Every structure is written in structure tokens, then in C-alpha cells.
Amino acid sequence: QVQLVESGGGLVQAGGSLRLSCAASGNIFRINIMGWYRQAPGKQRELVAAISSIGITNHADSVKGRFTISRDNAKNTVYLQMNSLKPEDTAVYYCKIDTAGRFYWGQGTQVTVSS
């Protein structure tokens, strides 16, 4: 059993910053890809950023230059530093990990950016 606990969401004004964290625990052998997704009301869930076990990153075009994904392998934790937030970044943010060929999702954390 694998558990993912997310934290760091909240309400922020446009131009502000937030840092999301997602800690994995349980029966974890080795985590390959760790990623952040988001889902806004009425829209499909979309990839925000992902990071491999050796630190290779991929960021969606909409967040490049503003968001940065990172991970701490010793803590089985992935982070998403979000700067210069815009109202269109408002969504529920989910972390996802790939371990031993299985995928696990966090419960989601709400990020709301006011204009």
C-alpha cells in the first residue's frame, strides 16, 4: 500500500507564490517518475510538470519559467514551486508517482489565485 500526502495549497493573489509538497510512504521500492497534474472546473486533468528519478524535468508550456518541479529521493517527496501565479492557474493539483510499474495519485490540493 502506498499513500501520498499533499500539502501547500491555498488562496493567493495574482503574482504570488505557493509551494506544493507531496510525500509518499508505504510499500515503496523505488519511485521512477513523480509528477504534478491539475484539474480546473469543467476541464480535463492536465500534466503540469514531471521529474525522473535522476532529475530530468518536463514542464508544461503554460507554466515554463514560472513553476519548478523538484524532488528529494531520500524523503520520497516531490515539490512544485509556483511563482508569478495567474488566475488561470486555479485548479485542484494532484501528485502522481510511478513505482514498480504502478501509478498512485494524491488526494489533491486546491490552489486558488485571485485577480
PDB file of N, CA and C in Angstrom:
ATOM      1  N   GLN A   1       0.843  -1.189   0.000  1.00  0.00           N
ATOM      2  CA  GLN A   1       0.000   0.000   0.000  1.00  0.00           C
ATOM      3  C   GLN A   1       0.880   1.241   0.000  1.00  0.00           C
ATOM      4  N   VAL A   2       0.526   2.196  -0.839  1.00  0.00           N
ATOM      5  CA  VAL A   2       1.269   3.454  -0.957  1.00  0.00           C
ATOM      6  C   VAL A   2       0.327   4.606  -0.668  1.00  0.00           C
ATOM      7  N   GLN A   3       0.787   5.536   0.150  1.00  0.00           N
ATOM      8  CA  GLN A   3      -0.003   6.724   0.457  1.00  0.00           C
ATOM      9  C   GLN A   3       0.755   7.960  -0.014  1.00  0.00           C
ATOM     10  N   LEU A   4       0.006   8.902  -0.551  1.00  0.00           N
ATOM     11  CA  LEU A   4       0.550  10.197  -0.956  1.00  0.00           C
ATOM     12  C   LEU A   4      -0.173  11.281  -0.183  1.00  0.00           C
ATOM     13  N   VAL A   5       0.595  12.135   0.462  1.00  0.00           N
ATOM     14  CA  VAL A   5       0.013  13.229   1.234  1.00  0.00           C
ATOM     15  C   VAL A   5       0.507  14.544   0.655  1.00  0.00           C
ATOM     16  N   GLU A   6      -0.435  15.335   0.165  1.00  0.00           N
ATOM     17  CA  GLU A   6      -0.116  16.623  -0.439  1.00  0.00           C
ATOM     18  C   GLU A   6      -0.361  17.739   0.566  1.00  0.00           C
ATOM     19  N   SER A   7       0.382  18.811   0.391  1.00  0.00           N
ATOM     20  CA  SER A   7       0.187  19.990   1.218  1.00  0.00           C
ATOM     21  C   SER A   7       0.679  21.222   0.466  1.00  0.00           C
ATOM     22  N   GLY A   8       0.279  22.388   0.957  1.00  0.00           N
ATOM     23  CA  GLY A   8       0.804  23.631   0.415  1.00  0.00           C
ATOM     24  C   GLY A   8      -0.153  24.439  -0.426  1.00  0.00           C
ATOM     25  N   GLY A   9      -1.328  23.903  -0.713  1.00  0.00           N
ATOM     26  CA  GLY A   9      -2.284  24.672  -1.497  1.00  0.00           C
ATOM     27  C   GLY A   9      -2.891  25.804  -0.682  1.00  0.00           C
ATOM     28  N   GLY A  10      -3.676  26.627  -1.358  1.00  0.00           N
ATOM     29  CA  GLY A  10      -4.327  27.727  -0.655  1.00  0.00           C
ATOM     30  C   GLY A  10      -4.776  28.818  -1.593  1.00  0.00           C
ATOM     31  N   LEU A  11      -5.086  29.951  -1.007  1.00  0.00           N
ATOM     32  CA  LEU A  11      -5.561  31.124  -1.743  1.00  0.00           C
ATOM     33  C   LEU A  11      -4.432  32.150  -1.805  1.00  0.00           C
ATOM     34  N   VAL A  12      -4.169  32.652  -3.000  1.00  0.00           N
ATOM     35  CA  VAL A  12      -3.096  33.625  -3.172  1.00  0.00           C
ATOM     36  C   VAL A  12      -3.509  34.638  -4.232  1.00  0.00           C
ATOM     37  N   GLN A  13      -2.998  35.830  -4.127  1.00  0.00           N
ATOM     38  CA  GLN A  13      -3.278  36.848  -5.130  1.00  0.00           C
ATOM     39  C   GLN A  13      -2.416  36.623  -6.370  1.00  0.00           C
ATOM     40  N   ALA A  14      -2.901  37.113  -7.488  1.00  0.00           N
ATOM     41  CA  ALA A  14      -2.128  37.025  -8.726  1.00  0.00           C
ATOM     42  C   ALA A  14      -0.752  37.639  -8.525  1.00  0.00           C
ATOM     43  N   GLY A  15       0.258  36.938  -9.058  1.00  0.00           N
ATOM     44  CA  GLY A  15       1.630  37.380  -8.877  1.00  0.00           C
ATOM     45  C   GLY A  15       2.324  36.752  -7.682  1.00  0.00           C
ATOM     46  N   GLY A  16       1.547  36.097  -6.847  1.00  0.00           N
ATOM     47  CA  GLY A  16       2.103  35.481  -5.654  1.00  0.00           C
ATOM     48  C   GLY A  16       2.715  34.117  -5.909  1.00  0.00           C
ATOM     49  N   SER A  17       3.135  33.483  -4.822  1.00  0.00           N
ATOM     50  CA  SER A  17       3.817  32.191  -4.912  1.00  0.00           C
ATOM     51  C   SER A  17       3.229  31.196  -3.919  1.00  0.00           C
ATOM     52  N   LEU A  18       3.326  29.943  -4.284  1.00  0.00           N
ATOM     53  CA  LEU A  18       2.989  28.834  -3.406  1.00  0.00           C
ATOM     54  C   LEU A  18       3.963  27.700  -3.670  1.00  0.00           C
ATOM     55  N   ARG A  19       4.150  26.860  -2.665  1.00  0.00           N
ATOM     56  CA  ARG A  19       4.982  25.666  -2.838  1.00  0.00           C
ATOM     57  C   ARG A  19       4.186  24.456  -2.403  1.00  0.00           C
ATOM     58  N   LEU A  20       3.975  23.544  -3.329  1.00  0.00           N
ATOM     59  CA  LEU A  20       3.270  22.314  -3.037  1.00  0.00           C
ATOM     60  C   LEU A  20       4.268  21.210  -2.698  1.00  0.00           C
ATOM     61  N   SER A  21       3.859  20.337  -1.784  1.00  0.00           N
ATOM     62  CA  SER A  21       4.662  19.174  -1.431  1.00  0.00           C
ATOM     63  C   SER A  21       3.799  17.927  -1.516  1.00  0.00           C
ATOM     64  N   CYS A  22       4.439  16.830  -1.853  1.00  0.00           N
ATOM     65  CA  CYS A  22       3.744  15.547  -1.898  1.00  0.00           C
ATOM     66  C   CYS A  22       4.702  14.482  -1.378  1.00  0.00           C
ATOM     67  N   ALA A  23       4.364  13.902  -0.234  1.00  0.00           N
ATOM     68  CA  ALA A  23       5.213  12.903   0.401  1.00  0.00           C
ATOM     69  C   ALA A  23       4.599  11.518   0.225  1.00  0.00           C
ATOM     70  N   ALA A  24       5.410  10.607  -0.259  1.00  0.00           N
ATOM     71  CA  ALA A  24       4.961   9.230  -0.457  1.00  0.00           C
ATOM     72  C   ALA A  24       5.464   8.351   0.676  1.00  0.00           C
ATOM     73  N   SER A  25       4.608   7.435   1.112  1.00  0.00           N
ATOM     74  CA  SER A  25       5.002   6.498   2.164  1.00  0.00           C
ATOM     75  C   SER A  25       4.335   5.152   1.901  1.00  0.00           C
ATOM     76  N   GLY A  26       4.819   4.159   2.642  1.00  0.00           N
ATOM     77  CA  GLY A  26       4.238   2.830   2.483  1.00  0.00           C
ATOM     78  C   GLY A  26       5.205   1.880   1.816  1.00  0.00           C
ATOM     79  N   ASN A  27       4.652   0.962   1.080  1.00  0.00           N
ATOM     80  CA  ASN A  27       5.436  -0.092   0.443  1.00  0.00           C
ATOM     81  C   ASN A  27       6.046   0.433  -0.865  1.00  0.00           C
ATOM     82  N   ILE A  28       7.133   1.165  -0.709  1.00  0.00           N
ATOM     83  CA  ILE A  28       7.781   1.787  -1.861  1.00  0.00           C
ATOM     84  C   ILE A  28       9.148   1.173  -2.066  1.00  0.00           C
ATOM     85  N   PHE A  29       9.369   0.664  -3.257  1.00  0.00           N
ATOM     86  CA  PHE A  29      10.684   0.109  -3.565  1.00  0.00           C
ATOM     87  C   PHE A  29      11.566   1.166  -4.208  1.00  0.00           C
ATOM     88  N   ARG A  30      11.080   1.704  -5.282  1.00  0.00           N
ATOM     89  CA  ARG A  30      11.826   2.739  -5.994  1.00  0.00           C
ATOM     90  C   ARG A  30      10.829   3.550  -6.808  1.00  0.00           C
ATOM     91  N   ILE A  31      10.895   4.867  -6.683  1.00  0.00           N
ATOM     92  CA  ILE A  31       9.982   5.732  -7.412  1.00  0.00           C
ATOM     93  C   ILE A  31      10.649   6.210  -8.691  1.00  0.00           C
ATOM     94  N   ASN A  32      10.006   5.974  -9.787  1.00  0.00           N
ATOM     95  CA  ASN A  32      10.540   6.430 -11.072  1.00  0.00           C
ATOM     96  C   ASN A  32      10.093   7.866 -11.332  1.00  0.00           C
ATOM     97  N   ILE A  33       9.021   8.035 -12.061  1.00  0.00           N
ATOM     98  CA  ILE A  33       8.540   9.373 -12.374  1.00  0.00           C
ATOM     99  C   ILE A  33       7.660   9.902 -11.247  1.00  0.00           C
ATOM    100  N   MET A  34       7.848  11.147 -10.901  1.00  0.00           N
ATOM    101  CA  MET A  34       6.967  11.868  -9.991  1.00  0.00           C
ATOM    102  C   MET A  34       6.440  13.077 -10.763  1.00  0.00           C
ATOM    103  N   GLY A  35       5.162  13.352 -10.590  1.00  0.00           N
ATOM    104  CA  GLY A  35       4.606  14.453 -11.371  1.00  0.00           C
ATOM    105  C   GLY A  35       3.492  15.188 -10.660  1.00  0.00           C
ATOM    106  N   TRP A  36       3.188  16.349 -11.201  1.00  0.00           N
ATOM    107  CA  TRP A  36       2.061  17.155 -10.738  1.00  0.00           C
ATOM    108  C   TRP A  36       1.106  17.361 -11.905  1.00  0.00           C
ATOM    109  N   TYR A  37      -0.162  17.184 -11.619  1.00  0.00           N
ATOM    110  CA  TYR A  37      -1.234  17.418 -12.571  1.00  0.00           C
ATOM    111  C   TYR A  37      -2.203  18.415 -11.953  1.00  0.00           C
ATOM    112  N   ARG A  38      -3.043  18.993 -12.781  1.00  0.00           N
ATOM    113  CA  ARG A  38      -4.078  19.881 -12.245  1.00  0.00           C
ATOM    114  C   ARG A  38      -5.361  19.725 -13.045  1.00  0.00           C
ATOM    115  N   GLN A  39      -6.445  20.022 -12.360  1.00  0.00           N
ATOM    116  CA  GLN A  39      -7.755  19.951 -12.998  1.00  0.00           C
ATOM    117  C   GLN A  39      -8.583  21.135 -12.557  1.00  0.00           C
ATOM    118  N   ALA A  40      -8.924  21.969 -13.529  1.00  0.00           N
ATOM    119  CA  ALA A  40      -9.785  23.112 -13.276  1.00  0.00           C
ATOM    120  C   ALA A  40     -11.234  22.696 -13.502  1.00  0.00           C
ATOM    121  N   PRO A  41     -12.181  23.408 -12.921  1.00  0.00           N
ATOM    122  CA  PRO A  41     -13.601  23.063 -13.100  1.00  0.00           C
ATOM    123  C   PRO A  41     -13.983  23.007 -14.573  1.00  0.00           C
ATOM    124  N   GLY A  42     -14.615  21.917 -14.960  1.00  0.00           N
ATOM    125  CA  GLY A  42     -15.071  21.768 -16.333  1.00  0.00           C
ATOM    126  C   GLY A  42     -13.998  21.423 -17.339  1.00  0.00           C
ATOM    127  N   LYS A  43     -12.794  21.178 -16.850  1.00  0.00           N
ATOM    128  CA  LYS A  43     -11.686  20.860 -17.770  1.00  0.00           C
ATOM    129  C   LYS A  43     -11.091  19.506 -17.436  1.00  0.00           C
ATOM    130  N   GLN A  44     -10.351  18.962 -18.386  1.00  0.00           N
ATOM    131  CA  GLN A  44      -9.680  17.696 -18.153  1.00  0.00           C
ATOM    132  C   GLN A  44      -8.430  17.903 -17.315  1.00  0.00           C
ATOM    133  N   ARG A  45      -8.058  16.834 -16.632  1.00  0.00           N
ATOM    134  CA  ARG A  45      -6.816  16.872 -15.869  1.00  0.00           C
ATOM    135  C   ARG A  45      -5.647  16.974 -16.848  1.00  0.00           C
ATOM    136  N   GLU A  46      -4.680  17.832 -16.503  1.00  0.00           N
ATOM    137  CA  GLU A  46      -3.548  18.037 -17.397  1.00  0.00           C
ATOM    138  C   GLU A  46      -2.233  17.954 -16.632  1.00  0.00           C
ATOM    139  N   LEU A  47      -1.197  17.555 -17.346  1.00  0.00           N
ATOM    140  CA  LEU A  47       0.128  17.491 -16.754  1.00  0.00           C
ATOM    141  C   LEU A  47       0.678  18.895 -16.561  1.00  0.00           C
ATOM    142  N   VAL A  48       1.207  19.152 -15.384  1.00  0.00           N
ATOM    143  CA  VAL A  48       1.861  20.427 -15.098  1.00  0.00           C
ATOM    144  C   VAL A  48       3.373  20.267 -15.228  1.00  0.00           C
ATOM    145  N   ALA A  49       3.907  19.256 -14.553  1.00  0.00           N
ATOM    146  CA  ALA A  49       5.347  19.027 -14.589  1.00  0.00           C
ATOM    147  C   ALA A  49       5.627  17.614 -14.103  1.00  0.00           C
ATOM    148  N   ALA A  50       6.760  17.074 -14.553  1.00  0.00           N
ATOM    149  CA  ALA A  50       7.171  15.742 -14.129  1.00  0.00           C
ATOM    150  C   ALA A  50       8.684  15.726 -13.984  1.00  0.00           C
ATOM    151  N   ILE A  51       9.153  14.778 -13.166  1.00  0.00           N
ATOM    152  CA  ILE A  51      10.590  14.671 -12.925  1.00  0.00           C
ATOM    153  C   ILE A  51      10.962  13.205 -12.789  1.00  0.00           C
ATOM    154  N   SER A  52      12.062  12.838 -13.437  1.00  0.00           N
ATOM    155  CA  SER A  52      12.506  11.448 -13.384  1.00  0.00           C
ATOM    156  C   SER A  52      13.329  11.208 -12.122  1.00  0.00           C
ATOM    157  N   SER A  53      13.711   9.962 -11.930  1.00  0.00           N
ATOM    158  CA  SER A  53      14.478   9.604 -10.738  1.00  0.00           C
ATOM    159  C   SER A  53      15.865  10.233 -10.729  1.00  0.00           C
ATOM    160  N   ILE A  54      16.350  10.642 -11.907  1.00  0.00           N
ATOM    161  CA  ILE A  54      17.674  11.273 -11.969  1.00  0.00           C
ATOM    162  C   ILE A  54      17.570  12.781 -12.193  1.00  0.00           C
ATOM    163  N   GLY A  55      16.387  13.306 -12.050  1.00  0.00           N
ATOM    164  CA  GLY A  55      16.223  14.751 -12.056  1.00  0.00           C
ATOM    165  C   GLY A  55      15.927  15.399 -13.395  1.00  0.00           C
ATOM    166  N   ILE A  56      15.635  14.620 -14.392  1.00  0.00           N
ATOM    167  CA  ILE A  56      15.246  15.209 -15.679  1.00  0.00           C
ATOM    168  C   ILE A  56      13.808  15.688 -15.569  1.00  0.00           C
ATOM    169  N   THR A  57      13.579  16.936 -15.944  1.00  0.00           N
ATOM    170  CA  THR A  57      12.266  17.548 -15.752  1.00  0.00           C
ATOM    171  C   THR A  57      11.577  17.868 -17.069  1.00  0.00           C
ATOM    172  N   ASN A  58      10.262  17.989 -16.957  1.00  0.00           N
ATOM    173  CA  ASN A  58       9.433  18.381 -18.089  1.00  0.00           C
ATOM    174  C   ASN A  58       8.335  19.272 -17.540  1.00  0.00           C
ATOM    175  N   HIS A  59       8.211  20.474 -18.078  1.00  0.00           N
ATOM    176  CA  HIS A  59       7.183  21.405 -17.620  1.00  0.00           C
ATOM    177  C   HIS A  59       6.254  21.754 -18.779  1.00  0.00           C
ATOM    178  N   ALA A  60       4.989  21.863 -18.490  1.00  0.00           N
ATOM    179  CA  ALA A  60       4.034  22.285 -19.498  1.00  0.00           C
ATOM    180  C   ALA A  60       4.375  23.693 -19.976  1.00  0.00           C
ATOM    181  N   ASP A  61       4.103  23.969 -21.229  1.00  0.00           N
ATOM    182  CA  ASP A  61       4.420  25.287 -21.784  1.00  0.00           C
ATOM    183  C   ASP A  61       3.753  26.411 -20.992  1.00  0.00           C
ATOM    184  N   SER A  62       2.567  26.153 -20.482  1.00  0.00           N
ATOM    185  CA  SER A  62       1.816  27.187 -19.773  1.00  0.00           C
ATOM    186  C   SER A  62       2.463  27.593 -18.454  1.00  0.00           C
ATOM    187  N   VAL A  63       3.384  26.783 -17.942  1.00  0.00           N
ATOM    188  CA  VAL A  63       3.992  27.100 -16.647  1.00  0.00           C
ATOM    189  C   VAL A  63       5.507  27.275 -16.728  1.00  0.00           C
ATOM    190  N   LYS A  64       6.074  27.086 -17.896  1.00  0.00           N
ATOM    191  CA  LYS A  64       7.528  27.222 -18.046  1.00  0.00           C
ATOM    192  C   LYS A  64       7.970  28.625 -17.645  1.00  0.00           C
ATOM    193  N   GLY A  65       9.043  28.661 -16.872  1.00  0.00           N
ATOM    194  CA  GLY A  65       9.554  29.937 -16.406  1.00  0.00           C
ATOM    195  C   GLY A  65       8.888  30.441 -15.132  1.00  0.00           C
ATOM    196  N   ARG A  66       7.793  29.804 -14.729  1.00  0.00           N
ATOM    197  CA  ARG A  66       7.083  30.215 -13.513  1.00  0.00           C
ATOM    198  C   ARG A  66       7.061  29.115 -12.449  1.00  0.00           C
ATOM    199  N   PHE A  67       6.908  27.875 -12.884  1.00  0.00           N
ATOM    200  CA  PHE A  67       6.841  26.743 -11.957  1.00  0.00           C
ATOM    201  C   PHE A  67       8.120  25.912 -12.080  1.00  0.00           C
ATOM    202  N   THR A  68       8.508  25.309 -10.966  1.00  0.00           N
ATOM    203  CA  THR A  68       9.674  24.430 -10.969  1.00  0.00           C
ATOM    204  C   THR A  68       9.387  23.188 -10.139  1.00  0.00           C
ATOM    205  N   ILE A  69       9.564  22.037 -10.755  1.00  0.00           N
ATOM    206  CA  ILE A  69       9.384  20.781 -10.038  1.00  0.00           C
ATOM    207  C   ILE A  69      10.736  20.301  -9.533  1.00  0.00           C
ATOM    208  N   SER A  70      10.734  19.698  -8.348  1.00  0.00           N
ATOM    209  CA  SER A  70      11.953  19.124  -7.788  1.00  0.00           C
ATOM    210  C   SER A  70      11.554  17.941  -6.914  1.00  0.00           C
ATOM    211  N   ARG A  71      12.545  17.170  -6.499  1.00  0.00           N
ATOM    212  CA  ARG A  71      12.256  16.016  -5.662  1.00  0.00           C
ATOM    213  C   ARG A  71      13.398  15.759  -4.705  1.00  0.00           C
ATOM    214  N   ASP A  72      13.055  15.127  -3.603  1.00  0.00           N
ATOM    215  CA  ASP A  72      14.027  14.681  -2.609  1.00  0.00           C
ATOM    216  C   ASP A  72      13.858  13.170  -2.510  1.00  0.00           C
ATOM    217  N   ASN A  73      14.764  12.430  -3.119  1.00  0.00           N
ATOM    218  CA  ASN A  73      14.613  10.978  -3.159  1.00  0.00           C
ATOM    219  C   ASN A  73      14.726  10.348  -1.776  1.00  0.00           C
ATOM    220  N   ALA A  74      15.518  10.945  -0.915  1.00  0.00           N
ATOM    221  CA  ALA A  74      15.676  10.398   0.433  1.00  0.00           C
ATOM    222  C   ALA A  74      14.371  10.486   1.223  1.00  0.00           C
ATOM    223  N   LYS A  75      13.557  11.479   0.892  1.00  0.00           N
ATOM    224  CA  LYS A  75      12.291  11.688   1.600  1.00  0.00           C
ATOM    225  C   LYS A  75      11.090  11.216   0.784  1.00  0.00           C
ATOM    226  N   ASN A  76      11.342  10.682  -0.405  1.00  0.00           N
ATOM    227  CA  ASN A  76      10.230  10.272  -1.297  1.00  0.00           C
ATOM    228  C   ASN A  76       9.216  11.399  -1.466  1.00  0.00           C
ATOM    229  N   THR A  77       9.733  12.587  -1.682  1.00  0.00           N
ATOM    230  CA  THR A  77       8.884  13.772  -1.747  1.00  0.00           C
ATOM    231  C   THR A  77       9.139  14.553  -3.033  1.00  0.00           C
ATOM    232  N   VAL A  78       8.059  15.038  -3.613  1.00  0.00           N
ATOM    233  CA  VAL A  78       8.157  15.886  -4.796  1.00  0.00           C
ATOM    234  C   VAL A  78       7.563  17.245  -4.462  1.00  0.00           C
ATOM    235  N   TYR A  79       8.143  18.272  -5.026  1.00  0.00           N
ATOM    236  CA  TYR A  79       7.732  19.643  -4.758  1.00  0.00           C
ATOM    237  C   TYR A  79       7.352  20.341  -6.056  1.00  0.00           C
ATOM    238  N   LEU A  80       6.522  21.347  -5.923  1.00  0.00           N
ATOM    239  CA  LEU A  80       6.217  22.212  -7.058  1.00  0.00           C
ATOM    240  C   LEU A  80       6.249  23.651  -6.552  1.00  0.00           C
ATOM    241  N   GLN A  81       7.286  24.368  -6.940  1.00  0.00           N
ATOM    242  CA  GLN A  81       7.392  25.786  -6.606  1.00  0.00           C
ATOM    243  C   GLN A  81       6.671  26.572  -7.690  1.00  0.00           C
ATOM    244  N   MET A  82       5.671  27.325  -7.275  1.00  0.00           N
ATOM    245  CA  MET A  82       4.854  28.066  -8.227  1.00  0.00           C
ATOM    246  C   MET A  82       5.006  29.561  -7.957  1.00  0.00           C
ATOM    247  N   ASN A  83       5.562  30.253  -8.909  1.00  0.00           N
ATOM    248  CA  ASN A  83       5.765  31.707  -8.815  1.00  0.00           C
ATOM    249  C   ASN A  83       4.939  32.415  -9.883  1.00  0.00           C
ATOM    250  N   SER A  84       4.777  33.701  -9.711  1.00  0.00           N
ATOM    251  CA  SER A  84       4.034  34.521 -10.683  1.00  0.00           C
ATOM    252  C   SER A  84       2.699  33.875 -11.037  1.00  0.00           C
ATOM    253  N   LEU A  85       1.978  33.474 -10.027  1.00  0.00           N
ATOM    254  CA  LEU A  85       0.710  32.775 -10.249  1.00  0.00           C
ATOM    255  C   LEU A  85      -0.314  33.671 -10.933  1.00  0.00           C
ATOM    256  N   LYS A  86      -1.118  33.026 -11.767  1.00  0.00           N
ATOM    257  CA  LYS A  86      -2.153  33.714 -12.524  1.00  0.00           C
ATOM    258  C   LYS A  86      -3.515  33.119 -12.166  1.00  0.00           C
ATOM    259  N   PRO A  87      -4.586  33.858 -12.365  1.00  0.00           N
ATOM    260  CA  PRO A  87      -5.917  33.297 -12.086  1.00  0.00           C
ATOM    261  C   PRO A  87      -6.178  31.994 -12.843  1.00  0.00           C
ATOM    262  N   GLU A  88      -5.637  31.870 -14.036  1.00  0.00           N
ATOM    263  CA  GLU A  88      -5.854  30.643 -14.808  1.00  0.00           C
ATOM    264  C   GLU A  88      -5.102  29.439 -14.253  1.00  0.00           C
ATOM    265  N   ASP A  89      -4.282  29.631 -13.241  1.00  0.00           N
ATOM    266  CA  ASP A  89      -3.636  28.515 -12.556  1.00  0.00           C
ATOM    267  C   ASP A  89      -4.554  27.899 -11.500  1.00  0.00           C
ATOM    268  N   THR A  90      -5.681  28.518 -11.264  1.00  0.00           N
ATOM    269  CA  THR A  90      -6.628  27.998 -10.284  1.00  0.00           C
ATOM    270  C   THR A  90      -7.100  26.607 -10.671  1.00  0.00           C
ATOM    271  N   ALA A  91      -6.924  25.652  -9.773  1.00  0.00           N
ATOM    272  CA  ALA A  91      -7.272  24.254 -10.046  1.00  0.00           C
ATOM    273  C   ALA A  91      -7.012  23.427  -8.794  1.00  0.00           C
ATOM    274  N   VAL A  92      -7.448  22.181  -8.862  1.00  0.00           N
ATOM    275  CA  VAL A  92      -7.011  21.197  -7.878  1.00  0.00           C
ATOM    276  C   VAL A  92      -5.749  20.551  -8.433  1.00  0.00           C
ATOM    277  N   TYR A  93      -4.708  20.547  -7.627  1.00  0.00           N
ATOM    278  CA  TYR A  93      -3.424  19.995  -8.043  1.00  0.00           C
ATOM    279  C   TYR A  93      -3.234  18.613  -7.410  1.00  0.00           C
ATOM    280  N   TYR A  94      -2.844  17.665  -8.246  1.00  0.00           N
ATOM    281  CA  TYR A  94      -2.655  16.289  -7.813  1.00  0.00           C
ATOM    282  C   TYR A  94      -1.213  15.852  -8.090  1.00  0.00           C
ATOM    283  N   CYS A  95      -0.645  15.117  -7.160  1.00  0.00           N
ATOM    284  CA  CYS A  95       0.635  14.497  -7.457  1.00  0.00           C
ATOM    285  C   CYS A  95       0.387  13.056  -7.884  1.00  0.00           C
ATOM    286  N   LYS A  96       1.319  12.551  -8.631  1.00  0.00           N
ATOM    287  CA  LYS A  96       1.239  11.184  -9.148  1.00  0.00           C
ATOM    288  C   LYS A  96       2.639  10.603  -9.148  1.00  0.00           C
ATOM    289  N   ILE A  97       2.739   9.355  -8.726  1.00  0.00           N
ATOM    290  CA  ILE A  97       4.038   8.702  -8.763  1.00  0.00           C
ATOM    291  C   ILE A  97       3.922   7.372  -9.491  1.00  0.00           C
ATOM    292  N   ASP A  98       5.057   6.961 -10.044  1.00  0.00           N
ATOM    293  CA  ASP A  98       5.176   5.687 -10.731  1.00  0.00           C
ATOM    294  C   ASP A  98       6.217   4.868  -9.959  1.00  0.00           C
ATOM    295  N   THR A  99       5.760   3.776  -9.348  1.00  0.00           N
ATOM    296  CA  THR A  99       6.679   2.933  -8.614  1.00  0.00           C
ATOM    297  C   THR A  99       6.371   1.477  -8.908  1.00  0.00           C
ATOM    298  N   ALA A 100       7.394   0.739  -9.274  1.00  0.00           N
ATOM    299  CA  ALA A 100       7.256  -0.681  -9.593  1.00  0.00           C
ATOM    300  C   ALA A 100       6.155  -0.919 -10.623  1.00  0.00           C
ATOM    301  N   GLY A 101       6.050  -0.004 -11.574  1.00  0.00           N
ATOM    302  CA  GLY A 101       5.085  -0.182 -12.640  1.00  0.00           C
ATOM    303  C   GLY A 101       3.657   0.152 -12.290  1.00  0.00           C
ATOM    304  N   ARG A 102       3.435   0.670 -11.105  1.00  0.00           N
ATOM    305  CA  ARG A 102       2.089   1.070 -10.697  1.00  0.00           C
ATOM    306  C   ARG A 102       2.047   2.579 -10.484  1.00  0.00           C
ATOM    307  N   PHE A 103       0.846   3.118 -10.678  1.00  0.00           N
ATOM    308  CA  PHE A 103       0.655   4.561 -10.532  1.00  0.00           C
ATOM    309  C   PHE A 103      -0.219   4.843  -9.319  1.00  0.00           C
ATOM    310  N   TYR A 104       0.151   5.880  -8.605  1.00  0.00           N
ATOM    311  CA  TYR A 104      -0.614   6.284  -7.431  1.00  0.00           C
ATOM    312  C   TYR A 104      -0.847   7.788  -7.496  1.00  0.00           C
ATOM    313  N   TRP A 105      -2.048   8.191  -7.046  1.00  0.00           N
ATOM    314  CA  TRP A 105      -2.432   9.602  -7.053  1.00  0.00           C
ATOM    315  C   TRP A 105      -2.620  10.107  -5.632  1.00  0.00           C
ATOM    316  N   GLY A 106      -2.297  11.377  -5.442  1.00  0.00           N
ATOM    317  CA  GLY A 106      -2.618  12.039  -4.195  1.00  0.00           C
ATOM    318  C   GLY A 106      -4.082  12.437  -4.176  1.00  0.00           C
ATOM    319  N   GLN A 107      -4.523  12.961  -3.051  1.00  0.00           N
ATOM    320  CA  GLN A 107      -5.934  13.314  -2.874  1.00  0.00           C
ATOM    321  C   GLN A 107      -6.277  14.663  -3.494  1.00  0.00           C
ATOM    322  N   GLY A 108      -5.266  15.428  -3.832  1.00  0.00           N
ATOM    323  CA  GLY A 108      -5.483  16.737  -4.440  1.00  0.00           C
ATOM    324  C   GLY A 108      -5.443  17.852  -3.418  1.00  0.00           C
ATOM    325  N   THR A 109      -4.936  18.988  -3.865  1.00  0.00           N
ATOM    326  CA  THR A 109      -4.912  20.185  -3.019  1.00  0.00           C
ATOM    327  C   THR A 109      -5.358  21.374  -3.865  1.00  0.00           C
ATOM    328  N   GLN A 110      -6.236  22.179  -3.295  1.00  0.00           N
ATOM    329  CA  GLN A 110      -6.817  23.296  -4.048  1.00  0.00           C
ATOM    330  C   GLN A 110      -5.865  24.479  -4.078  1.00  0.00           C
ATOM    331  N   VAL A 111      -5.677  25.018  -5.262  1.00  0.00           N
ATOM    332  CA  VAL A 111      -4.929  26.269  -5.447  1.00  0.00           C
ATOM    333  C   VAL A 111      -5.882  27.265  -6.095  1.00  0.00           C
ATOM    334  N   THR A 112      -6.070  28.384  -5.435  1.00  0.00           N
ATOM    335  CA  THR A 112      -6.954  29.423  -5.950  1.00  0.00           C
ATOM    336  C   THR A 112      -6.165  30.726  -6.062  1.00  0.00           C
ATOM    337  N   VAL A 113      -6.171  31.306  -7.247  1.00  0.00           N
ATOM    338  CA  VAL A 113      -5.440  32.547  -7.497  1.00  0.00           C
ATOM    339  C   VAL A 113      -6.461  33.637  -7.810  1.00  0.00           C
ATOM    340  N   SER A 114      -6.481  34.645  -6.973  1.00  0.00           N
ATOM    341  CA  SER A 114      -7.436  35.737  -7.168  1.00  0.00           C
ATOM    342  C   SER A 114      -6.805  36.855  -7.992  1.00  0.00           C
ATOM    343  N   SER A 115      -7.645  37.540  -8.754  1.00  0.00           N
ATOM    344  CA  SER A 115      -7.130  38.610  -9.619  1.00  0.00           C
ATOM    345  C   SER A 115      -7.155  39.947  -8.914  1.00  0.00           C
TER     346      SER A 115
END
